[in-house]
Protein backbone atom coordinates (compact mmCIF):
# COMPACT_ATOMS: atom_id res chain seq x y z
CA UNK A 1 12.95 91.88 35.83
CA UNK A 2 14.09 95.16 34.15
CA UNK A 3 17.33 95.53 32.14
CA UNK A 4 20.35 95.79 34.41
CA UNK A 5 18.47 94.24 37.31
CA UNK A 6 19.64 90.81 38.56
CA UNK A 7 17.68 88.25 40.49
CA UNK A 8 19.30 89.20 43.80
CA UNK A 9 17.85 92.72 43.65
CA UNK A 10 14.38 91.20 44.04
CA UNK A 11 15.29 89.69 47.42
CA UNK A 12 13.06 91.84 49.74
CA UNK A 13 9.80 91.53 47.80
CA UNK A 14 10.38 87.88 46.91
CA UNK A 15 11.25 87.10 50.51
CA UNK A 16 8.00 88.69 51.67
CA UNK A 17 6.05 86.61 49.10
CA UNK A 18 7.65 83.35 50.25
CA UNK A 19 7.09 84.35 53.88
CA UNK A 20 3.40 84.90 53.21
CA UNK A 21 2.91 81.70 51.22
CA UNK A 22 5.49 79.03 52.06
CA UNK A 23 7.70 79.70 55.10
CA UNK A 24 6.70 80.30 58.75
CA UNK A 25 9.55 82.75 59.52
CA UNK A 26 11.46 85.43 57.64
CA UNK A 27 14.76 83.59 58.16
CA UNK A 28 13.39 80.41 56.59
CA UNK A 29 11.83 82.44 53.78
CA UNK A 30 15.17 84.04 52.94
CA UNK A 31 16.89 80.64 53.04
CA UNK A 32 14.29 79.24 50.64
CA UNK A 33 14.73 82.23 48.35
CA UNK A 34 18.52 81.85 48.44
CA UNK A 35 18.20 78.26 47.27
CA UNK A 36 15.95 79.34 44.42
CA UNK A 37 18.24 82.20 43.39
CA UNK A 38 21.23 79.88 43.38
CA UNK A 39 19.49 77.85 40.68
CA UNK A 40 18.37 80.92 38.70
CA UNK A 41 21.83 82.54 38.75
CA UNK A 42 23.59 79.29 37.76
CA UNK A 43 25.34 79.59 34.39
CA UNK A 44 23.57 76.43 33.14
CA UNK A 45 20.13 77.52 34.33
CA UNK A 46 17.14 77.20 32.08
CA UNK A 47 13.51 77.62 33.11
CA UNK A 48 12.07 74.27 34.22
CA UNK A 49 8.93 73.01 32.52
CA UNK A 50 5.81 72.87 34.65
CA UNK A 51 3.82 69.64 34.56
CA UNK A 52 1.73 67.43 36.79
CA UNK A 53 2.85 63.89 37.49
CA UNK A 54 0.08 62.55 35.22
CA UNK A 55 0.92 64.93 32.37
CA UNK A 56 4.61 64.09 32.52
CA UNK A 57 3.91 60.34 32.49
CA UNK A 58 1.41 60.56 29.62
CA UNK A 59 3.30 63.07 27.47
CA UNK A 60 6.91 62.10 28.13
CA UNK A 61 7.50 58.91 30.10
CA UNK A 62 5.05 56.68 28.21
CA UNK A 63 6.27 57.94 24.86
CA UNK A 64 10.04 58.16 25.39
CA UNK A 65 11.02 55.68 28.12
CA UNK A 66 8.35 53.02 28.67
CA UNK A 67 8.42 51.69 25.06
CA UNK A 68 12.05 50.71 25.67
CA UNK A 69 10.98 48.16 28.31
CA UNK A 70 9.72 44.61 27.80
CA UNK A 71 6.00 44.25 27.10
CA UNK A 72 5.44 42.53 30.42
CA UNK A 73 7.26 45.37 32.20
CA UNK A 74 5.20 47.97 30.34
CA UNK A 75 2.00 46.19 31.38
CA UNK A 76 3.03 46.06 35.04
CA UNK A 77 4.12 49.71 35.07
CA UNK A 78 0.81 50.87 33.59
CA UNK A 79 -1.17 48.97 36.22
CA UNK A 80 0.87 50.47 39.08
CA UNK A 81 0.60 53.98 37.63
CA UNK A 82 -3.17 53.73 37.18
CA UNK A 83 -4.02 52.03 40.47
CA UNK A 84 -1.52 53.51 42.91
CA UNK A 85 0.51 56.51 41.71
CA UNK A 86 -2.07 58.54 39.77
CA UNK A 87 -4.76 58.45 42.51
CA UNK A 88 -2.27 59.85 45.03
CA UNK A 89 -0.02 62.12 42.93
CA UNK A 90 -1.50 62.39 39.42
CA UNK A 91 -2.75 65.98 39.79
CA UNK A 92 0.24 67.28 41.74
CA UNK A 93 3.03 69.28 40.14
CA UNK A 94 6.20 67.24 39.68
CA UNK A 95 8.25 69.81 41.56
CA UNK A 96 5.84 69.91 44.50
CA UNK A 97 6.17 66.23 45.46
CA UNK A 98 8.63 65.87 48.34
CA UNK A 99 10.40 62.93 49.88
CA UNK A 100 8.15 63.34 52.90
CA UNK A 101 5.07 63.05 50.67
CA UNK A 102 6.34 59.82 49.14
CA UNK A 103 7.35 58.39 52.52
CA UNK A 104 3.88 59.09 53.89
CA UNK A 105 2.37 57.45 50.80
CA UNK A 106 4.56 54.34 51.15
CA UNK A 107 3.92 54.01 54.88
CA UNK A 108 0.20 54.22 54.21
CA UNK A 109 0.39 51.49 51.56
CA UNK A 110 2.23 49.20 53.95
CA UNK A 111 -0.29 49.97 56.70
CA UNK A 112 -3.18 49.09 54.39
CA UNK A 113 -1.96 45.50 54.23
CA UNK A 114 -0.42 45.67 50.77
CA UNK A 115 2.33 43.09 50.29
CA UNK A 116 5.92 44.20 50.86
CA UNK A 117 6.98 43.24 47.34
CA UNK A 118 4.03 45.11 45.84
CA UNK A 119 4.98 48.31 47.67
CA UNK A 120 8.58 47.82 46.60
CA UNK A 121 7.43 47.59 42.97
CA UNK A 122 5.36 50.76 43.36
CA UNK A 123 8.46 52.59 44.62
CA UNK A 124 10.50 51.26 41.70
CA UNK A 125 7.97 52.55 39.15
CA UNK A 126 7.60 55.95 40.84
CA UNK A 127 11.38 56.32 41.10
CA UNK A 128 11.77 55.45 37.41
CA UNK A 129 9.32 58.21 36.49
CA UNK A 130 11.20 60.77 38.58
CA UNK A 131 14.56 59.59 37.26
CA UNK A 132 13.29 60.45 33.78
CA UNK A 133 12.03 63.82 35.02
CA UNK A 134 15.49 64.60 36.43
CA UNK A 135 17.09 63.45 33.18
CA UNK A 136 14.85 65.78 31.17
CA UNK A 137 15.57 68.62 33.63
CA UNK A 138 12.08 69.04 34.99
CA UNK A 139 13.69 69.05 38.44
CA UNK A 140 17.05 68.38 40.04
CA UNK A 141 16.39 65.72 42.67
CA UNK A 142 14.45 62.47 42.64
CA UNK A 143 12.38 62.59 45.87
CA UNK A 144 11.53 58.87 45.70
CA UNK A 145 15.13 57.82 46.30
CA UNK A 146 14.97 59.02 49.91
CA UNK A 147 12.14 56.63 50.80
CA UNK A 148 12.82 53.95 53.41
CA UNK A 149 11.24 50.52 53.55
CA UNK A 150 11.02 48.18 56.54
CA UNK A 151 13.01 44.97 56.51
CA UNK A 152 11.60 42.39 54.15
CA UNK A 153 9.33 40.01 56.06
CA UNK A 154 10.16 36.33 56.24
CA UNK A 155 8.39 34.42 53.48
CA UNK A 156 7.51 30.76 53.65
CA UNK A 157 7.89 28.91 50.39
CA UNK A 158 4.78 27.11 49.16
CA UNK A 159 4.73 23.33 49.27
CA UNK A 160 5.87 21.66 46.07
CA UNK A 161 3.96 18.74 44.57
CA UNK A 162 5.69 15.39 45.02
CA UNK A 163 7.03 13.28 42.16
CA UNK A 164 4.08 10.90 42.62
CA UNK A 165 1.54 13.74 42.54
CA UNK A 166 3.01 15.17 39.34
CA UNK A 167 2.77 11.76 37.71
CA UNK A 168 -0.85 11.48 38.85
CA UNK A 169 -1.55 14.87 37.32
CA UNK A 170 0.02 13.93 33.99
CA UNK A 171 -1.92 10.68 33.88
CA UNK A 172 -5.16 12.60 34.45
CA UNK A 173 -4.55 15.12 31.65
CA UNK A 174 -5.20 14.74 27.93
CA UNK A 175 -2.80 15.97 25.29
CA UNK A 176 -1.41 18.52 24.73
CA UNK A 177 -1.81 19.51 28.40
CA UNK A 178 0.02 16.40 29.61
CA UNK A 179 3.10 17.31 27.55
CA UNK A 180 2.90 20.96 28.67
CA UNK A 181 3.20 19.91 32.31
CA UNK A 182 5.89 17.31 31.60
CA UNK A 183 8.05 19.64 29.49
CA UNK A 184 7.86 22.41 32.11
CA UNK A 185 9.04 19.95 34.75
CA UNK A 186 11.76 18.56 32.48
CA UNK A 187 13.23 21.89 31.40
CA UNK A 188 12.20 24.48 33.98
CA UNK A 189 11.15 26.96 31.29
CA UNK A 190 8.88 29.90 32.07
CA UNK A 191 5.35 29.33 30.82
CA UNK A 192 5.73 32.31 28.47
CA UNK A 193 8.73 30.51 26.94
CA UNK A 194 6.99 27.13 26.90
CA UNK A 195 3.99 28.34 24.91
CA UNK A 196 6.18 30.21 22.41
CA UNK A 197 8.21 27.10 21.52
CA UNK A 198 8.24 26.17 17.84
CA UNK A 199 9.42 22.87 16.42
CA UNK A 200 12.42 24.71 14.97
CA UNK A 201 13.53 25.36 18.57
CA UNK A 202 14.18 21.63 19.07
CA UNK A 203 17.75 20.85 18.08
CA UNK A 204 17.52 17.09 17.51
CA UNK A 205 21.17 16.81 16.50
CA UNK A 206 22.59 18.48 19.62
CA UNK A 207 19.91 17.18 22.03
CA UNK A 208 18.57 20.53 23.27
CA UNK A 209 15.82 23.04 22.84
CA UNK A 210 16.50 26.72 22.25
CA UNK A 211 14.56 29.38 24.12
CA UNK A 212 14.35 32.29 21.68
CA UNK A 213 10.83 33.66 22.07
CA UNK A 214 8.18 34.30 24.69
CA UNK A 215 4.46 34.98 24.39
CA UNK A 216 2.59 37.58 26.46
CA UNK A 217 -1.11 38.31 25.96
CA UNK A 218 -1.04 36.69 22.50
CA UNK A 219 1.96 38.77 21.41
CA UNK A 220 5.29 37.14 20.56
CA UNK A 221 8.27 38.84 22.16
CA UNK A 222 11.86 38.06 23.10
CA UNK A 223 12.42 36.28 26.45
CA UNK A 224 12.61 38.15 29.75
CA UNK A 225 16.35 39.02 29.68
CA UNK A 226 19.33 38.44 27.38
CA UNK A 227 20.32 35.51 29.64
CA UNK A 228 16.92 33.99 29.00
CA UNK A 229 17.80 33.23 25.38
CA UNK A 230 19.52 29.92 25.96
CA UNK A 231 19.80 26.25 25.03
CA UNK A 232 18.42 23.67 27.47
CA UNK A 233 19.86 20.17 27.26
CA UNK A 234 17.43 17.28 26.74
CA UNK A 235 17.95 13.60 27.48
CA UNK A 236 17.46 10.88 24.86
CA UNK A 237 14.19 9.87 26.48
CA UNK A 238 13.05 13.52 26.39
CA UNK A 239 13.73 13.70 22.65
CA UNK A 240 11.93 10.40 22.08
CA UNK A 241 8.88 11.67 23.93
CA UNK A 242 8.83 14.88 21.89
CA UNK A 243 9.05 12.92 18.64
CA UNK A 244 6.10 10.83 19.74
CA UNK A 245 4.18 13.99 20.67
CA UNK A 246 4.79 15.44 17.21
CA UNK A 247 1.95 13.47 15.70
CA UNK A 248 2.05 15.13 12.29
CA UNK A 249 5.46 14.36 10.71
CA UNK A 250 4.77 16.95 8.03
CA UNK A 251 4.18 19.77 10.49
CA UNK A 252 6.32 22.76 9.66
CA UNK A 253 9.30 23.74 11.78
CA UNK A 254 7.76 27.17 12.33
CA UNK A 255 4.61 25.66 13.85
CA UNK A 256 4.12 26.06 17.60
CA UNK A 257 4.29 22.97 19.79
CA UNK A 258 1.18 23.95 21.70
CA UNK A 259 -1.44 25.39 19.35
CA UNK A 260 -4.82 26.38 20.76
CA UNK A 261 -7.91 24.37 19.88
CA UNK A 262 -8.58 26.61 16.86
CA UNK A 263 -5.06 26.04 15.57
CA UNK A 264 -4.42 29.77 15.20
CA UNK A 265 -2.05 30.71 18.03
CA UNK A 266 -0.38 29.37 21.19
CA UNK A 267 -2.56 28.59 24.20
CA UNK A 268 -3.16 31.24 26.86
CA UNK A 269 -1.32 30.18 30.02
CA UNK A 270 -3.99 31.36 32.47
CA UNK A 271 -6.77 29.65 30.53
CA UNK A 272 -4.99 26.30 30.58
CA UNK A 273 -4.21 26.67 34.29
CA UNK A 274 -7.73 27.67 35.35
CA UNK A 275 -9.80 25.48 33.03
CA UNK A 276 -7.68 22.34 32.75
CA UNK A 277 -4.92 21.94 35.33
CA UNK A 278 -6.48 23.29 38.54
CA UNK A 279 -9.75 21.36 38.11
CA UNK A 280 -7.66 18.19 37.66
CA UNK A 281 -5.62 19.03 40.77
CA UNK A 282 -8.77 19.54 42.84
CA UNK A 283 -10.29 16.31 41.57
CA UNK A 284 -7.14 14.35 42.46
CA UNK A 285 -6.84 16.07 45.84
CA UNK A 286 -3.13 16.73 45.38
CA UNK A 287 -0.87 19.68 46.24
CA UNK A 288 -1.59 23.06 44.64
CA UNK A 289 0.07 23.45 41.22
CA UNK A 290 0.97 26.54 39.19
CA UNK A 291 3.24 26.98 36.19
CA UNK A 292 5.77 28.77 38.37
CA UNK A 293 5.75 26.03 41.01
CA UNK A 294 6.62 23.50 38.31
CA UNK A 295 9.66 25.65 37.52
CA UNK A 296 10.52 25.62 41.24
CA UNK A 297 10.12 21.83 41.29
CA UNK A 298 12.63 21.50 38.45
CA UNK A 299 15.15 23.69 40.29
CA UNK A 300 14.77 21.82 43.57
CA UNK A 301 15.30 18.45 41.85
CA UNK A 302 18.53 19.72 40.29
CA UNK A 303 19.72 20.95 43.69
CA UNK A 304 18.87 17.66 45.43
CA UNK A 305 20.65 15.69 42.71
CA UNK A 306 23.85 17.67 43.23
CA UNK A 307 23.77 19.65 39.98
CA UNK A 308 25.97 22.74 40.28
CA UNK A 309 24.27 26.07 40.87
CA UNK A 310 25.95 27.48 37.74
CA UNK A 311 24.35 24.82 35.53
CA UNK A 312 20.98 25.33 37.22
CA UNK A 313 21.23 29.10 36.78
CA UNK A 314 21.94 28.69 33.07
CA UNK A 315 19.03 26.29 32.56
CA UNK A 316 16.62 28.70 34.23
CA UNK A 317 17.98 31.75 32.39
CA UNK A 318 18.73 33.71 35.55
CA UNK A 319 21.23 36.57 35.46
CA UNK A 320 22.28 35.90 39.08
CA UNK A 321 22.84 32.64 40.94
CA UNK A 322 21.54 34.36 44.08
CA UNK A 323 18.08 34.54 42.52
CA UNK A 324 18.17 30.83 41.77
CA UNK A 325 19.16 29.84 45.31
CA UNK A 326 17.05 32.35 47.24
CA UNK A 327 13.75 32.04 45.43
CA UNK A 328 13.66 28.78 43.46
CA UNK A 329 15.34 26.06 45.52
CA UNK A 330 12.96 24.54 48.08
CA UNK A 331 13.87 22.26 50.94
CA UNK A 332 12.56 18.90 49.80
CA UNK A 333 11.44 16.27 52.29
CA UNK A 334 14.12 13.92 50.97
CA UNK A 335 16.91 16.46 51.45
CA UNK A 336 15.56 17.41 54.88
CA UNK A 337 15.52 13.75 55.94
CA UNK A 338 19.07 13.24 54.67
CA UNK A 339 20.24 16.24 56.70
CA UNK A 340 18.59 14.90 59.86
CA UNK A 341 20.09 11.44 59.30
CA UNK A 342 23.57 12.89 58.71
CA UNK A 343 23.54 14.76 62.02
CA UNK A 344 22.06 11.78 63.82
CA UNK A 345 24.80 9.48 62.48
CA UNK A 346 27.48 11.87 63.68
CA UNK A 347 25.97 12.07 67.17
CA UNK A 348 25.59 8.29 67.41
CA UNK A 349 29.21 7.84 66.32
CA UNK A 350 30.38 10.28 69.00
CA UNK A 351 28.32 8.42 71.60
CA UNK A 352 29.92 5.09 70.67
CA UNK A 353 33.36 6.69 70.78
CA UNK A 354 33.04 7.22 74.54
CA UNK A 355 33.60 3.49 74.91
CA UNK A 356 36.27 3.19 72.18
CA UNK A 357 39.47 5.27 72.63
CA UNK A 358 40.71 4.23 69.18
CA UNK A 359 37.49 5.37 67.47
CA UNK A 360 37.49 8.62 69.44
CA UNK A 361 41.08 9.32 68.41
CA UNK A 362 40.09 8.81 64.79
CA UNK A 363 37.22 11.29 65.06
CA UNK A 364 39.39 13.88 66.77
CA UNK A 365 42.15 13.54 64.18
CA UNK A 366 39.66 14.25 61.35
CA UNK A 367 38.21 17.32 63.05
CA UNK A 368 39.97 20.54 61.89
CA UNK A 369 41.07 23.00 64.59
CA UNK A 370 41.14 26.73 63.80
CA UNK A 371 44.66 28.02 63.23
CA UNK A 372 46.24 24.55 63.16
CA UNK A 373 47.37 22.96 59.91
CA UNK A 374 47.33 19.20 59.58
CA UNK A 375 50.58 17.51 58.71
């Protein structure tokens, strides 16, 4: 562009170039050029950097944004980037990826049989990358935000082990694995929080344990969210059992409750599950058990015992009560039976009332009618 010449003066030649390379008609080519010139002539315009999706992630996103996330989040993001996003978009220019491209990608993932939640997580990671690109002015619009997902499919909650089965499992385990299972059931802690517990986290005076740390891939970190750092009340019998478990009275407060067999670090959750707990479950022939299902069992017991959802939410360290109710509370056989019996009792009472006018009048008087206030 020569001195005194503005971008608009290049309209004919630029329009011909766009027509030859990007647009099927001259009218569409001129419209595309007009959009481009609007950006160039904007008072705040600056030339946008050119980068592929992979280059932007490696040079900018992984250095400036990803380190701000939790270690577990970083690990999950890196897996999704390497296995899903880079193979499809890694070599494409950031500015060349359209909403249509992403929608086609997402629809293909769903069609391949990938789980709905997995695809949703892929979208979240890709959108986070483009949000950073918009923030750093590599482009103006995040194309991932326009993507549509089908309605979430109905999920059936896995069966929880019964109280009797959990006792059988504990009886079959040696220490410290027996106490690991028991304490998870008693407190509902995440396994990353369980294995990071130190003796200093047990507040003997105030009858609680404090969740302050979590362990991920042998690295000590803070818990999942700020709500996850919390006290969890313990009963007197819980405290007595922990005192009995603490075999060495002279153990230091900073020692972990569950040291590995070498005494150097906390156990690895997956190792304990695969090598100790699952073989015991198979040998006993009881319901499938995972660390997370034990957390679900704790939540369901609290619900069945009438503990308020607010208290349950706080014990679990959830930021929203909706998460607690939607994903963690299972319908227990006991609660299901009580519901069936309650309805059955009401129906039987109504049936008897056909032969008792006085009883029928009593039922009717206790039944609220919309728009009518009782005296």
